[in-house]
């Protein structure tokens, strides 16, 4: 008769635990990946609706020579005699369509791997356009914005500066072939470039949550809620992205599951904001 050694007994007990931990680790990784993919699909769908709105309203009005129609949405969208200002705001608004389409294409792994030449050229065009859009946006905010407070203009300006910083680092790492860092900065760039879109989505979610405007005056478009949303438009996405990076590299399944749960919850809130923005702001101008 043989008696199992203590090490053998411990090994037998350890194997089920190891298998359970391995299964949980695999599940947590898949959950985090699914959450990120779901967020990306919902965000891109919402941004495509935004592009259709830009093209159907702003672009069509410009092609018809009726840029004064922009004043229905932007109080100083078109000012007769202010050629420089009109050009700046036209560049800023219409270039958003190019940026909104080009950004998601840069982040798709299949396009990046299957069409590397397109990825490089699209990246160059994307960075050039976001830089131009940021500079023109700064000009418009401080010379043409009729609504909004100083703090609101400041939050928009911070967003523009963050775009320039992220564009610089994304380009710098791409040129140096530090691809892992490049992709991280490309994701950060995509989020801050989407700042104005996030602002609209968060604003409409806030309005839906409160059953109407709360914390701001809809006539003057000023108030503490708008300042907070102005900060959230880039602080919240960037914070969640950093949490995603941390969870993805973490060896703890709990970290990945927690991050996945948060991303799923925020995706649901974002979907509500997109739906309300589509029905309340974008679709009426498209019909």
Foldseek 3Di string as FASTA:
>chain_A
DDDDDPVVVVVVVVVVVVVVLVVLLVVLLVLLVVLVVLLLVLVLVLLVLVLLLLCLFQVVCVVVVNQVSCCVPAVPQDDPPCVVLNVLSSLLSNLLNLLSVLLSCLLDPCCCVVPVVCNVVSLVVNLVSLLSNLVSLLVCLVPPHQAEDPLLSVLSNVLSVQLNVLSVQLVVCVVVVVVVSNSLSSQLNSQSSCLVVQLQLVQLLVQVVVVHDDQADPVRRYGPVSSVSSNCSRPVVVVLSVLSVVLNPDPDSVSSNVSSVVSNVVSVSSSSSSVRCCVPPRVVSND
